[in-house]
């Protein structure tokens, strides 16, 4: 039986969340309760909602939680873009996060378009 831990999208989103924490550790202290907090919460929300939706079992709930994860990804994309535009954080390295976020969003988009298929265990 396939669990959420077996899903590549969950694995990639866990890697993304870790990368966000690593990156935001380099942000200035004054962003700790602002952008850092927002980015970390959005990043954590993605794998959390994938796991919760998978454990709920029904295709409708699975699709619902995939859409929530996708929405959190959109939030994170926006927050990363803001960080890139701020003078104190613009020089940080965003390439790894951009790559992971793009991969996760593409996978979620495919899974949202066919939530029942993504619930079927792989042989």
N, C-alpha and C. Protein backbone atom coordinates (compact mmCIF):
# COMPACT_ATOMS: atom_id res chain seq x y z
N UNK A 1 0.84 -1.19 0.00
CA UNK A 1 0.00 0.00 0.00
C UNK A 1 0.89 1.25 0.00
N UNK A 2 0.53 2.19 -0.84
CA UNK A 2 1.28 3.43 -0.97
C UNK A 2 0.86 4.42 0.11
N UNK A 3 1.83 5.00 0.79
CA UNK A 3 1.54 6.04 1.77
C UNK A 3 1.98 7.38 1.20
N UNK A 4 1.65 8.45 1.90
CA UNK A 4 2.05 9.78 1.44
C UNK A 4 3.57 9.89 1.36
N UNK A 5 4.29 9.14 2.19
CA UNK A 5 5.76 9.19 2.18
C UNK A 5 6.33 8.62 0.87
N UNK A 6 5.56 7.80 0.18
CA UNK A 6 5.99 7.22 -1.08
C UNK A 6 5.80 8.17 -2.26
N UNK A 7 5.03 9.22 -2.07
CA UNK A 7 4.74 10.15 -3.15
C UNK A 7 5.94 11.06 -3.41
N UNK A 8 6.35 11.13 -4.65
CA UNK A 8 7.48 11.99 -5.02
C UNK A 8 7.15 13.44 -4.71
N UNK A 9 5.91 13.84 -4.91
CA UNK A 9 5.53 15.23 -4.64
C UNK A 9 5.69 15.56 -3.15
N UNK A 10 5.38 14.61 -2.27
CA UNK A 10 5.58 14.84 -0.82
C UNK A 10 7.08 14.92 -0.52
N UNK A 11 7.86 14.02 -1.10
CA UNK A 11 9.31 14.01 -0.86
C UNK A 11 9.94 15.32 -1.34
N UNK A 12 9.56 15.77 -2.53
CA UNK A 12 10.09 17.02 -3.07
C UNK A 12 9.64 18.22 -2.23
N UNK A 13 8.41 18.18 -1.77
CA UNK A 13 7.92 19.31 -0.97
C UNK A 13 8.57 19.34 0.41
N UNK A 14 8.97 18.18 0.93
CA UNK A 14 9.75 18.15 2.17
C UNK A 14 11.13 18.76 1.94
N UNK A 15 11.73 18.43 0.81
CA UNK A 15 13.02 19.01 0.45
C UNK A 15 12.89 20.53 0.29
N UNK A 16 11.79 20.96 -0.31
CA UNK A 16 11.52 22.39 -0.48
C UNK A 16 11.39 23.09 0.87
N UNK A 17 10.63 22.51 1.78
CA UNK A 17 10.44 23.11 3.10
C UNK A 17 11.78 23.26 3.82
N UNK A 18 12.60 22.24 3.74
CA UNK A 18 13.93 22.29 4.36
C UNK A 18 14.78 23.39 3.72
N UNK A 19 14.72 23.50 2.41
CA UNK A 19 15.49 24.53 1.70
C UNK A 19 15.02 25.93 2.08
N UNK A 20 13.73 26.09 2.28
CA UNK A 20 13.19 27.39 2.69
C UNK A 20 13.71 27.75 4.08
N UNK A 21 13.72 26.80 4.98
CA UNK A 21 14.25 27.06 6.33
C UNK A 21 15.73 27.44 6.25
N UNK A 22 16.49 26.75 5.41
CA UNK A 22 17.91 27.06 5.27
C UNK A 22 18.11 28.46 4.71
N UNK A 23 17.35 28.80 3.67
CA UNK A 23 17.46 30.12 3.06
C UNK A 23 17.04 31.22 4.02
N UNK A 24 15.91 31.05 4.68
CA UNK A 24 15.41 32.12 5.55
C UNK A 24 16.27 32.32 6.79
N UNK A 25 17.12 31.37 7.12
CA UNK A 25 18.06 31.56 8.22
C UNK A 25 19.06 32.67 7.89
N UNK A 26 19.20 32.99 6.60
CA UNK A 26 20.11 34.06 6.16
C UNK A 26 19.42 35.42 6.07
N UNK A 27 18.12 35.47 6.30
CA UNK A 27 17.38 36.73 6.23
C UNK A 27 17.72 37.60 7.43
N UNK A 28 17.57 38.92 7.29
CA UNK A 28 17.84 39.80 8.43
C UNK A 28 16.86 39.56 9.58
N UNK A 29 17.31 39.82 10.77
CA UNK A 29 16.52 39.59 11.99
C UNK A 29 15.16 40.29 11.93
N UNK A 30 15.10 41.47 11.34
CA UNK A 30 13.83 42.22 11.31
C UNK A 30 12.75 41.52 10.48
N UNK A 31 13.13 40.54 9.67
CA UNK A 31 12.14 39.79 8.88
C UNK A 31 11.66 38.52 9.59
N UNK A 32 12.18 38.25 10.78
CA UNK A 32 11.85 37.02 11.49
C UNK A 32 10.35 36.81 11.67
N UNK A 33 9.63 37.88 12.02
CA UNK A 33 8.19 37.75 12.25
C UNK A 33 7.38 38.18 11.03
N UNK A 34 8.05 38.51 9.97
CA UNK A 34 7.37 38.91 8.75
C UNK A 34 7.51 37.88 7.67
N UNK A 35 8.37 38.18 6.73
CA UNK A 35 8.55 37.32 5.56
C UNK A 35 9.06 35.93 5.91
N UNK A 36 9.97 35.83 6.86
CA UNK A 36 10.50 34.51 7.25
C UNK A 36 9.38 33.61 7.74
N UNK A 37 8.58 34.12 8.65
CA UNK A 37 7.47 33.35 9.20
C UNK A 37 6.48 32.93 8.11
N UNK A 38 6.14 33.86 7.23
CA UNK A 38 5.19 33.56 6.15
C UNK A 38 5.74 32.49 5.21
N UNK A 39 7.00 32.63 4.82
CA UNK A 39 7.60 31.67 3.89
C UNK A 39 7.69 30.28 4.52
N UNK A 40 8.09 30.22 5.77
CA UNK A 40 8.20 28.93 6.44
C UNK A 40 6.84 28.27 6.58
N UNK A 41 5.82 29.03 6.96
CA UNK A 41 4.48 28.44 7.10
C UNK A 41 3.94 27.94 5.77
N UNK A 42 4.13 28.72 4.71
CA UNK A 42 3.65 28.29 3.38
C UNK A 42 4.39 27.03 2.94
N UNK A 43 5.70 26.98 3.17
CA UNK A 43 6.49 25.82 2.77
C UNK A 43 6.08 24.57 3.53
N UNK A 44 5.84 24.70 4.81
CA UNK A 44 5.43 23.55 5.65
C UNK A 44 4.02 23.09 5.27
N UNK A 45 3.19 24.02 4.87
CA UNK A 45 1.81 23.70 4.52
C UNK A 45 1.71 22.74 3.32
N UNK A 46 2.65 22.83 2.41
CA UNK A 46 2.57 22.01 1.19
C UNK A 46 2.65 20.52 1.52
N UNK A 47 3.72 20.01 2.12
CA UNK A 47 3.75 18.57 2.42
C UNK A 47 2.73 18.17 3.48
N UNK A 48 2.41 19.08 4.38
CA UNK A 48 1.41 18.78 5.42
C UNK A 48 0.05 18.49 4.81
N UNK A 49 -0.35 19.29 3.84
CA UNK A 49 -1.65 19.08 3.21
C UNK A 49 -1.65 17.88 2.27
N UNK A 50 -0.52 17.60 1.66
CA UNK A 50 -0.43 16.38 0.85
C UNK A 50 -0.62 15.16 1.76
N UNK A 51 0.05 15.15 2.89
CA UNK A 51 -0.07 14.03 3.83
C UNK A 51 -1.49 13.90 4.36
N UNK A 52 -2.06 15.01 4.79
CA UNK A 52 -3.42 14.95 5.35
C UNK A 52 -4.43 14.47 4.31
N UNK A 53 -4.34 15.01 3.11
CA UNK A 53 -5.27 14.60 2.06
C UNK A 53 -5.13 13.12 1.71
N UNK A 54 -3.91 12.64 1.65
CA UNK A 54 -3.68 11.22 1.33
C UNK A 54 -4.27 10.33 2.41
N UNK A 55 -4.12 10.74 3.67
CA UNK A 55 -4.63 9.92 4.77
C UNK A 55 -6.15 9.96 4.90
N UNK A 56 -6.77 10.99 4.39
CA UNK A 56 -8.23 11.07 4.45
C UNK A 56 -8.90 10.02 3.57
N UNK A 57 -8.26 9.66 2.46
CA UNK A 57 -8.74 8.52 1.69
C UNK A 57 -9.68 8.78 0.54
N UNK A 58 -10.65 9.66 0.68
CA UNK A 58 -11.60 9.85 -0.41
C UNK A 58 -11.01 10.75 -1.49
N UNK A 59 -11.42 10.52 -2.72
CA UNK A 59 -10.91 11.31 -3.85
C UNK A 59 -11.27 12.78 -3.71
N UNK A 60 -12.47 13.06 -3.20
CA UNK A 60 -12.89 14.46 -3.04
C UNK A 60 -12.00 15.19 -2.03
N UNK A 61 -11.75 14.56 -0.89
CA UNK A 61 -10.90 15.20 0.11
C UNK A 61 -9.46 15.28 -0.38
N UNK A 62 -8.99 14.25 -1.07
CA UNK A 62 -7.64 14.26 -1.62
C UNK A 62 -7.47 15.45 -2.56
N UNK A 63 -8.42 15.63 -3.46
CA UNK A 63 -8.38 16.76 -4.39
C UNK A 63 -8.42 18.09 -3.66
N UNK A 64 -9.25 18.18 -2.62
CA UNK A 64 -9.36 19.40 -1.82
C UNK A 64 -8.02 19.76 -1.18
N UNK A 65 -7.37 18.79 -0.57
CA UNK A 65 -6.09 19.06 0.10
C UNK A 65 -4.96 19.30 -0.90
N UNK A 66 -5.03 18.69 -2.07
CA UNK A 66 -4.06 19.01 -3.12
C UNK A 66 -4.20 20.46 -3.54
N UNK A 67 -5.44 20.94 -3.64
CA UNK A 67 -5.66 22.35 -4.01
C UNK A 67 -5.16 23.29 -2.92
N UNK A 68 -5.33 22.91 -1.66
CA UNK A 68 -4.79 23.73 -0.57
C UNK A 68 -3.26 23.77 -0.66
N UNK A 69 -2.62 22.64 -0.90
CA UNK A 69 -1.17 22.58 -1.05
C UNK A 69 -0.72 23.45 -2.23
N UNK A 70 -1.48 23.39 -3.32
CA UNK A 70 -1.16 24.19 -4.51
C UNK A 70 -1.27 25.68 -4.18
N UNK A 71 -2.30 26.05 -3.43
CA UNK A 71 -2.47 27.44 -3.01
C UNK A 71 -1.30 27.90 -2.14
N UNK A 72 -0.86 27.04 -1.24
CA UNK A 72 0.30 27.37 -0.41
C UNK A 72 1.55 27.55 -1.26
N UNK A 73 1.66 26.76 -2.32
CA UNK A 73 2.76 26.92 -3.25
C UNK A 73 2.72 28.27 -3.95
N UNK A 74 1.52 28.71 -4.29
CA UNK A 74 1.36 30.04 -4.89
C UNK A 74 1.76 31.14 -3.92
N UNK A 75 1.39 30.97 -2.66
CA UNK A 75 1.81 31.93 -1.64
C UNK A 75 3.34 31.97 -1.56
N UNK A 76 3.96 30.80 -1.52
CA UNK A 76 5.42 30.73 -1.40
C UNK A 76 6.09 31.35 -2.63
N UNK A 77 5.56 31.10 -3.81
CA UNK A 77 6.11 31.71 -5.03
C UNK A 77 6.11 33.23 -4.90
N UNK A 78 5.01 33.78 -4.42
CA UNK A 78 4.89 35.22 -4.26
C UNK A 78 5.86 35.75 -3.21
N UNK A 79 5.98 35.05 -2.10
CA UNK A 79 6.87 35.48 -1.03
C UNK A 79 8.33 35.42 -1.47
N UNK A 80 8.70 34.40 -2.24
CA UNK A 80 10.06 34.31 -2.77
C UNK A 80 10.32 35.48 -3.71
N UNK A 81 9.36 35.79 -4.53
CA UNK A 81 9.51 36.92 -5.45
C UNK A 81 9.69 38.23 -4.69
N UNK A 82 8.94 38.42 -3.62
CA UNK A 82 9.11 39.61 -2.79
C UNK A 82 10.52 39.65 -2.21
N UNK A 83 10.98 38.52 -1.67
CA UNK A 83 12.32 38.46 -1.08
C UNK A 83 13.39 38.81 -2.10
N UNK A 84 13.21 38.35 -3.34
CA UNK A 84 14.18 38.65 -4.38
C UNK A 84 14.26 40.15 -4.68
N UNK A 85 13.19 40.87 -4.40
CA UNK A 85 13.13 42.30 -4.71
C UNK A 85 13.57 43.20 -3.55
N UNK A 86 13.76 42.61 -2.38
CA UNK A 86 14.17 43.42 -1.22
C UNK A 86 15.69 43.58 -1.19
N UNK A 87 16.16 44.76 -0.90
CA UNK A 87 17.61 45.00 -0.91
C UNK A 87 18.41 44.05 -0.01
N UNK A 88 17.91 43.76 1.17
CA UNK A 88 18.68 42.94 2.12
C UNK A 88 18.64 41.45 1.81
N UNK A 89 17.78 41.00 0.93
CA UNK A 89 17.67 39.58 0.62
C UNK A 89 17.82 39.28 -0.87
N UNK A 90 17.98 40.29 -1.67
CA UNK A 90 18.04 40.09 -3.13
C UNK A 90 19.28 39.33 -3.59
N UNK A 91 20.37 39.39 -2.83
CA UNK A 91 21.61 38.75 -3.26
C UNK A 91 21.71 37.28 -2.83
N UNK A 92 20.71 36.77 -2.13
CA UNK A 92 20.74 35.37 -1.68
C UNK A 92 20.51 34.45 -2.88
N UNK A 93 20.85 33.18 -2.70
CA UNK A 93 20.74 32.19 -3.77
C UNK A 93 19.35 31.53 -3.73
N UNK A 94 18.55 31.77 -4.75
CA UNK A 94 17.17 31.27 -4.82
C UNK A 94 17.00 30.13 -5.83
N UNK A 95 18.03 29.78 -6.57
CA UNK A 95 17.89 28.83 -7.68
C UNK A 95 17.35 27.47 -7.22
N UNK A 96 17.86 26.94 -6.12
CA UNK A 96 17.41 25.61 -5.66
C UNK A 96 15.93 25.64 -5.27
N UNK A 97 15.53 26.68 -4.56
CA UNK A 97 14.12 26.81 -4.16
C UNK A 97 13.24 26.99 -5.40
N UNK A 98 13.69 27.82 -6.32
CA UNK A 98 12.90 28.02 -7.55
C UNK A 98 12.69 26.71 -8.30
N UNK A 99 13.74 25.91 -8.40
CA UNK A 99 13.65 24.63 -9.10
C UNK A 99 12.70 23.67 -8.39
N UNK A 100 12.87 23.53 -7.08
CA UNK A 100 12.01 22.63 -6.31
C UNK A 100 10.55 23.08 -6.35
N UNK A 101 10.34 24.36 -6.16
CA UNK A 101 8.97 24.89 -6.15
C UNK A 101 8.30 24.68 -7.50
N UNK A 102 9.06 24.89 -8.57
CA UNK A 102 8.51 24.66 -9.90
C UNK A 102 8.12 23.19 -10.08
N UNK A 103 8.99 22.28 -9.65
CA UNK A 103 8.69 20.84 -9.76
C UNK A 103 7.45 20.47 -8.96
N UNK A 104 7.39 20.93 -7.73
CA UNK A 104 6.25 20.60 -6.85
C UNK A 104 4.96 21.15 -7.44
N UNK A 105 4.99 22.37 -7.91
CA UNK A 105 3.78 22.98 -8.46
C UNK A 105 3.31 22.24 -9.72
N UNK A 106 4.25 21.82 -10.56
CA UNK A 106 3.87 21.06 -11.76
C UNK A 106 3.24 19.72 -11.37
N UNK A 107 3.84 19.03 -10.40
CA UNK A 107 3.30 17.75 -9.96
C UNK A 107 1.91 17.92 -9.36
N UNK A 108 1.76 18.93 -8.51
CA UNK A 108 0.44 19.18 -7.90
C UNK A 108 -0.59 19.50 -8.95
N UNK A 109 -0.21 20.28 -9.93
CA UNK A 109 -1.15 20.65 -10.99
C UNK A 109 -1.66 19.41 -11.73
N UNK A 110 -0.76 18.49 -12.03
CA UNK A 110 -1.16 17.24 -12.70
C UNK A 110 -2.06 16.43 -11.78
N UNK A 111 -1.69 16.32 -10.51
CA UNK A 111 -2.47 15.51 -9.56
C UNK A 111 -3.86 16.11 -9.33
N UNK A 112 -3.96 17.43 -9.32
CA UNK A 112 -5.26 18.09 -9.12
C UNK A 112 -6.18 17.79 -10.30
N UNK A 113 -5.61 17.70 -11.49
CA UNK A 113 -6.43 17.45 -12.67
C UNK A 113 -6.99 16.03 -12.70
N UNK A 114 -6.39 15.14 -11.92
CA UNK A 114 -6.89 13.75 -11.84
C UNK A 114 -6.64 13.16 -10.45
N UNK A 115 -7.36 13.65 -9.45
CA UNK A 115 -7.11 13.22 -8.08
C UNK A 115 -7.36 11.72 -7.83
N UNK A 116 -8.34 11.15 -8.50
CA UNK A 116 -8.62 9.72 -8.30
C UNK A 116 -7.43 8.87 -8.76
N UNK A 117 -6.83 9.22 -9.87
CA UNK A 117 -5.70 8.46 -10.40
C UNK A 117 -4.51 8.51 -9.44
N UNK A 118 -4.34 9.64 -8.74
CA UNK A 118 -3.19 9.75 -7.84
C UNK A 118 -3.44 9.03 -6.52
N UNK A 119 -4.64 8.52 -6.31
CA UNK A 119 -4.93 7.73 -5.11
C UNK A 119 -4.69 6.23 -5.34
N UNK A 120 -4.63 5.83 -6.62
CA UNK A 120 -4.47 4.42 -6.94
C UNK A 120 -3.04 4.00 -6.63
N UNK A 121 -2.87 2.93 -5.85
CA UNK A 121 -1.51 2.45 -5.55
C UNK A 121 -0.77 2.03 -6.79
N UNK A 122 0.51 2.28 -6.83
CA UNK A 122 1.37 1.85 -7.94
C UNK A 122 1.72 0.38 -7.77
N UNK A 123 1.72 -0.36 -8.86
CA UNK A 123 2.03 -1.79 -8.81
C UNK A 123 3.50 -2.03 -8.70
